[in-house]
Amino acid sequence: MSTSPYPSLLVAPTTPHALPCFRLSDGMQDLQSAFRRPLWDTECASILVECADRCTNAEIADLIAARTGMRFKPKTVSDRRAALGLGAPGRNDWTSPLRRLRPWQGG
């Protein structure tokens, strides 16, 4: 067994443009299975439909992570929301006070 931090190099074929092949140790194969992407299922879709009218995409992603253990980005939730034809939650709490505040008009 080699103590090198790099995987051991196997014999490559002698054809032109051949790529080197690396043998993965058992620990590295376990890491590959740990980094699989979560799959969107019906439970995730039901959580999205249930909370679509009152929660933002980030809040729905957190709810899905809490209930199912699968973590999704808010962009994924947004794409799934659009695919299901659900609208945006319709709230924007921070721009409306900024629009009312007009310091250039004296107040």
N, C-alpha and C. Protein backbone atom coordinates (compact mmCIF):
# COMPACT_ATOMS: atom_id res chain seq x y z
N MET A 1 0.85 -1.19 0.00
CA MET A 1 0.00 0.00 0.00
C MET A 1 0.88 1.24 0.00
N SER A 2 0.58 2.15 -0.81
CA SER A 2 1.35 3.37 -0.93
C SER A 2 0.89 4.39 0.10
N THR A 3 1.82 5.21 0.57
CA THR A 3 1.47 6.27 1.52
C THR A 3 1.28 7.60 0.83
N SER A 4 1.26 7.59 -0.48
CA SER A 4 1.09 8.80 -1.27
C SER A 4 -0.33 9.33 -1.11
N PRO A 5 -0.50 10.66 -1.09
CA PRO A 5 -1.86 11.21 -0.98
C PRO A 5 -2.67 11.04 -2.26
N TYR A 6 -2.01 10.64 -3.34
CA TYR A 6 -2.70 10.47 -4.61
C TYR A 6 -3.05 9.00 -4.82
N PRO A 7 -4.13 8.70 -5.54
CA PRO A 7 -4.47 7.30 -5.82
C PRO A 7 -3.41 6.64 -6.69
N SER A 8 -3.28 5.34 -6.57
CA SER A 8 -2.28 4.63 -7.36
C SER A 8 -2.70 4.61 -8.83
N LEU A 9 -1.72 4.74 -9.70
CA LEU A 9 -1.97 4.81 -11.14
C LEU A 9 -1.94 3.40 -11.72
N LEU A 10 -2.98 3.03 -12.45
CA LEU A 10 -3.04 1.73 -13.10
C LEU A 10 -2.41 1.82 -14.48
N VAL A 11 -2.13 0.68 -15.06
CA VAL A 11 -1.54 0.65 -16.40
C VAL A 11 -2.59 1.13 -17.40
N ALA A 12 -2.22 2.11 -18.20
CA ALA A 12 -3.14 2.67 -19.19
C ALA A 12 -2.95 1.95 -20.52
N PRO A 13 -3.98 1.90 -21.35
CA PRO A 13 -3.82 1.30 -22.67
C PRO A 13 -2.85 2.12 -23.51
N THR A 14 -2.26 1.50 -24.49
CA THR A 14 -1.25 2.17 -25.31
C THR A 14 -1.85 2.83 -26.54
N THR A 15 -3.13 3.08 -26.55
CA THR A 15 -3.77 3.74 -27.68
C THR A 15 -3.57 5.24 -27.58
N PRO A 16 -3.63 5.94 -28.71
CA PRO A 16 -3.49 7.40 -28.66
C PRO A 16 -4.64 8.03 -27.86
N HIS A 17 -4.36 9.09 -27.18
CA HIS A 17 -5.31 9.86 -26.39
C HIS A 17 -5.90 9.04 -25.24
N ALA A 18 -5.16 8.09 -24.73
CA ALA A 18 -5.65 7.28 -23.61
C ALA A 18 -5.58 8.11 -22.33
N LEU A 19 -6.57 7.96 -21.49
CA LEU A 19 -6.61 8.65 -20.21
C LEU A 19 -6.12 7.72 -19.12
N PRO A 20 -5.38 8.25 -18.14
CA PRO A 20 -4.93 7.39 -17.04
C PRO A 20 -6.11 6.96 -16.18
N CYS A 21 -6.02 5.77 -15.64
CA CYS A 21 -7.07 5.22 -14.80
C CYS A 21 -6.57 5.18 -13.36
N PHE A 22 -7.42 5.55 -12.43
CA PHE A 22 -7.05 5.55 -11.03
C PHE A 22 -7.89 4.53 -10.29
N ARG A 23 -7.26 3.80 -9.39
CA ARG A 23 -7.98 2.86 -8.55
C ARG A 23 -8.37 3.60 -7.27
N LEU A 24 -9.65 3.62 -6.96
CA LEU A 24 -10.12 4.27 -5.76
C LEU A 24 -10.08 3.30 -4.60
N SER A 25 -9.62 3.79 -3.47
CA SER A 25 -9.63 2.94 -2.28
C SER A 25 -11.08 2.81 -1.79
N ASP A 26 -11.32 1.88 -0.88
CA ASP A 26 -12.67 1.65 -0.38
C ASP A 26 -13.24 2.89 0.30
N GLY A 27 -12.41 3.63 1.00
CA GLY A 27 -12.86 4.85 1.67
C GLY A 27 -13.33 5.90 0.69
N MET A 28 -12.65 6.01 -0.45
CA MET A 28 -13.05 7.00 -1.45
C MET A 28 -14.37 6.62 -2.11
N GLN A 29 -14.63 5.33 -2.28
CA GLN A 29 -15.90 4.92 -2.85
C GLN A 29 -17.04 5.23 -1.90
N ASP A 30 -16.81 5.11 -0.59
CA ASP A 30 -17.83 5.48 0.38
C ASP A 30 -18.12 6.97 0.33
N LEU A 31 -17.09 7.78 0.09
CA LEU A 31 -17.29 9.22 -0.02
C LEU A 31 -18.13 9.56 -1.24
N GLN A 32 -17.93 8.84 -2.33
CA GLN A 32 -18.71 9.12 -3.53
C GLN A 32 -20.19 8.85 -3.30
N SER A 33 -20.52 7.81 -2.56
CA SER A 33 -21.93 7.53 -2.30
C SER A 33 -22.52 8.54 -1.33
N ALA A 34 -21.68 9.15 -0.49
CA ALA A 34 -22.17 10.14 0.46
C ALA A 34 -22.50 11.46 -0.22
N PHE A 35 -21.91 11.74 -1.38
CA PHE A 35 -22.11 13.02 -2.05
C PHE A 35 -23.16 12.95 -3.15
N ARG A 36 -24.03 12.00 -3.12
CA ARG A 36 -25.08 11.91 -4.13
C ARG A 36 -26.10 13.03 -3.94
N ARG A 37 -26.63 13.50 -5.04
CA ARG A 37 -27.63 14.56 -4.97
C ARG A 37 -28.95 13.99 -4.49
N PRO A 38 -29.66 14.72 -3.64
CA PRO A 38 -30.97 14.22 -3.20
C PRO A 38 -31.97 14.28 -4.35
N LEU A 39 -32.87 13.34 -4.36
CA LEU A 39 -33.88 13.28 -5.41
C LEU A 39 -35.19 13.86 -4.91
N TRP A 40 -35.78 14.72 -5.71
CA TRP A 40 -37.06 15.34 -5.38
C TRP A 40 -38.14 14.27 -5.48
N ASP A 41 -38.91 14.09 -4.41
CA ASP A 41 -39.95 13.06 -4.42
C ASP A 41 -41.31 13.68 -4.13
N THR A 42 -42.32 12.84 -4.00
CA THR A 42 -43.69 13.34 -3.80
C THR A 42 -43.85 14.02 -2.45
N GLU A 43 -43.08 13.60 -1.45
CA GLU A 43 -43.17 14.27 -0.15
C GLU A 43 -42.66 15.71 -0.24
N CYS A 44 -41.58 15.92 -0.98
CA CYS A 44 -41.07 17.28 -1.18
C CYS A 44 -42.09 18.12 -1.95
N ALA A 45 -42.72 17.53 -2.96
CA ALA A 45 -43.72 18.26 -3.74
C ALA A 45 -44.93 18.60 -2.89
N SER A 46 -45.34 17.70 -2.00
CA SER A 46 -46.50 17.99 -1.15
C SER A 46 -46.18 19.10 -0.16
N ILE A 47 -44.95 19.14 0.36
CA ILE A 47 -44.55 20.23 1.25
C ILE A 47 -44.56 21.55 0.49
N LEU A 48 -44.09 21.53 -0.75
CA LEU A 48 -44.08 22.74 -1.57
C LEU A 48 -45.49 23.24 -1.84
N VAL A 49 -46.39 22.35 -2.22
CA VAL A 49 -47.77 22.74 -2.51
C VAL A 49 -48.45 23.25 -1.25
N GLU A 50 -48.18 22.62 -0.13
CA GLU A 50 -48.80 23.01 1.14
C GLU A 50 -48.38 24.41 1.59
N CYS A 51 -47.13 24.77 1.36
CA CYS A 51 -46.59 26.03 1.89
C CYS A 51 -46.33 27.08 0.82
N ALA A 52 -46.71 26.84 -0.42
CA ALA A 52 -46.34 27.72 -1.51
C ALA A 52 -46.91 29.13 -1.38
N ASP A 53 -48.12 29.27 -0.84
CA ASP A 53 -48.75 30.59 -0.81
C ASP A 53 -48.26 31.47 0.33
N ARG A 54 -47.61 30.91 1.34
CA ARG A 54 -47.22 31.72 2.49
C ARG A 54 -45.73 31.72 2.81
N CYS A 55 -44.92 30.91 2.13
CA CYS A 55 -43.50 30.79 2.46
C CYS A 55 -42.63 31.13 1.25
N THR A 56 -41.45 31.65 1.53
CA THR A 56 -40.48 31.91 0.47
C THR A 56 -39.78 30.61 0.10
N ASN A 57 -38.99 30.66 -0.96
CA ASN A 57 -38.29 29.46 -1.41
C ASN A 57 -37.28 28.98 -0.37
N ALA A 58 -36.59 29.90 0.29
CA ALA A 58 -35.61 29.52 1.31
C ALA A 58 -36.30 28.87 2.51
N GLU A 59 -37.46 29.40 2.90
CA GLU A 59 -38.20 28.81 4.02
C GLU A 59 -38.70 27.42 3.66
N ILE A 60 -39.15 27.23 2.42
CA ILE A 60 -39.62 25.91 1.99
C ILE A 60 -38.45 24.93 1.94
N ALA A 61 -37.28 25.39 1.49
CA ALA A 61 -36.10 24.52 1.47
C ALA A 61 -35.74 24.08 2.89
N ASP A 62 -35.86 25.00 3.86
CA ASP A 62 -35.60 24.64 5.26
C ASP A 62 -36.64 23.67 5.80
N LEU A 63 -37.91 23.86 5.42
CA LEU A 63 -38.96 22.93 5.85
C LEU A 63 -38.73 21.52 5.29
N ILE A 64 -38.35 21.46 4.03
CA ILE A 64 -38.08 20.15 3.42
C ILE A 64 -36.90 19.48 4.11
N ALA A 65 -35.87 20.27 4.44
CA ALA A 65 -34.71 19.70 5.14
C ALA A 65 -35.10 19.20 6.52
N ALA A 66 -35.99 19.93 7.21
CA ALA A 66 -36.39 19.52 8.55
C ALA A 66 -37.27 18.27 8.53
N ARG A 67 -38.16 18.17 7.55
CA ARG A 67 -39.10 17.04 7.53
C ARG A 67 -38.55 15.79 6.87
N THR A 68 -37.73 15.95 5.83
CA THR A 68 -37.26 14.78 5.09
C THR A 68 -35.78 14.49 5.27
N GLY A 69 -35.00 15.48 5.70
CA GLY A 69 -33.56 15.30 5.82
C GLY A 69 -32.82 15.57 4.52
N MET A 70 -33.53 15.90 3.44
CA MET A 70 -32.89 16.21 2.16
C MET A 70 -32.76 17.72 2.03
N ARG A 71 -31.57 18.18 1.66
CA ARG A 71 -31.33 19.61 1.54
C ARG A 71 -31.34 20.02 0.07
N PHE A 72 -32.13 21.05 -0.23
CA PHE A 72 -32.21 21.59 -1.58
C PHE A 72 -31.91 23.08 -1.52
N LYS A 73 -31.39 23.61 -2.61
CA LYS A 73 -31.15 25.04 -2.72
C LYS A 73 -32.47 25.75 -2.99
N PRO A 74 -32.59 27.02 -2.59
CA PRO A 74 -33.81 27.77 -2.91
C PRO A 74 -34.06 27.85 -4.42
N LYS A 75 -33.01 27.83 -5.23
CA LYS A 75 -33.17 27.84 -6.69
C LYS A 75 -33.90 26.58 -7.17
N THR A 76 -33.59 25.44 -6.56
CA THR A 76 -34.28 24.19 -6.91
C THR A 76 -35.75 24.28 -6.55
N VAL A 77 -36.03 24.84 -5.37
CA VAL A 77 -37.43 25.00 -4.95
C VAL A 77 -38.14 25.95 -5.91
N SER A 78 -37.45 27.02 -6.33
CA SER A 78 -38.03 27.96 -7.28
C SER A 78 -38.35 27.29 -8.61
N ASP A 79 -37.44 26.46 -9.10
CA ASP A 79 -37.68 25.74 -10.36
C ASP A 79 -38.85 24.78 -10.23
N ARG A 80 -38.93 24.08 -9.12
CA ARG A 80 -40.05 23.15 -8.90
C ARG A 80 -41.37 23.89 -8.74
N ARG A 81 -41.31 25.06 -8.10
CA ARG A 81 -42.52 25.89 -7.94
C ARG A 81 -43.04 26.32 -9.31
N ALA A 82 -42.12 26.74 -10.18
CA ALA A 82 -42.51 27.16 -11.53
C ALA A 82 -43.04 25.98 -12.34
N ALA A 83 -42.43 24.80 -12.17
CA ALA A 83 -42.87 23.62 -12.92
C ALA A 83 -44.28 23.19 -12.51
N LEU A 84 -44.62 23.41 -11.24
CA LEU A 84 -45.96 23.06 -10.76
C LEU A 84 -46.99 24.15 -11.05
N GLY A 85 -46.53 25.30 -11.55
CA GLY A 85 -47.44 26.39 -11.86
C GLY A 85 -47.87 27.18 -10.65
N LEU A 86 -47.11 27.11 -9.57
CA LEU A 86 -47.43 27.86 -8.36
C LEU A 86 -46.80 29.24 -8.44
N GLY A 87 -47.52 30.25 -8.00
CA GLY A 87 -47.01 31.60 -8.05
C GLY A 87 -46.05 31.90 -6.92
N ALA A 88 -45.47 33.07 -6.98
CA ALA A 88 -44.59 33.53 -5.91
C ALA A 88 -45.41 33.82 -4.67
N PRO A 89 -44.79 33.82 -3.49
CA PRO A 89 -45.56 34.06 -2.28
C PRO A 89 -46.16 35.45 -2.21
N GLY A 90 -45.67 36.40 -3.02
CA GLY A 90 -46.29 37.71 -3.10
C GLY A 90 -45.97 38.64 -1.96
N ARG A 91 -44.88 38.41 -1.29
CA ARG A 91 -44.53 39.33 -0.22
C ARG A 91 -43.11 39.82 -0.43
N ASN A 92 -42.95 41.06 -0.14
CA ASN A 92 -41.64 41.68 -0.26
C ASN A 92 -41.57 42.69 0.88
N ASP A 93 -41.04 42.26 2.00
CA ASP A 93 -41.11 43.05 3.22
C ASP A 93 -40.10 44.18 3.29
N TRP A 94 -39.08 44.16 2.47
CA TRP A 94 -38.02 45.13 2.69
C TRP A 94 -37.96 46.25 1.66
N THR A 95 -38.53 46.10 0.47
CA THR A 95 -38.42 47.20 -0.50
C THR A 95 -39.49 48.26 -0.31
N SER A 96 -40.61 47.90 0.24
CA SER A 96 -41.65 48.91 0.37
C SER A 96 -41.27 50.01 1.36
N PRO A 97 -40.64 49.75 2.52
CA PRO A 97 -40.17 50.87 3.34
C PRO A 97 -39.09 51.69 2.64
N LEU A 98 -38.27 51.06 1.81
CA LEU A 98 -37.24 51.81 1.10
C LEU A 98 -37.86 52.74 0.06
N ARG A 99 -38.94 52.32 -0.55
CA ARG A 99 -39.58 53.16 -1.55
C ARG A 99 -40.31 54.33 -0.91
N ARG A 100 -40.80 54.13 0.32
CA ARG A 100 -41.47 55.24 1.01
C ARG A 100 -40.46 56.28 1.50
N LEU A 101 -39.26 55.83 1.85
CA LEU A 101 -38.23 56.74 2.35
C LEU A 101 -37.59 57.46 1.17
N ARG A 102 -37.78 58.78 1.12
CA ARG A 102 -37.21 59.57 0.04
C ARG A 102 -36.43 60.73 0.64
N PRO A 103 -35.18 60.49 1.01
CA PRO A 103 -34.42 61.56 1.66
C PRO A 103 -34.16 62.75 0.75
N TRP A 104 -34.16 62.54 -0.56
CA TRP A 104 -33.91 63.65 -1.47
C TRP A 104 -35.11 64.59 -1.57
N GLN A 105 -36.28 64.15 -1.06
CA GLN A 105 -37.46 65.01 -1.06
C GLN A 105 -37.73 65.60 0.32
N GLY A 106 -36.78 65.45 1.22
CA GLY A 106 -36.93 66.07 2.53
C GLY A 106 -37.63 65.19 3.55
N GLY A 107 -37.72 63.93 3.35
CA GLY A 107 -38.34 63.14 4.40
C GLY A 107 -38.69 61.83 3.98
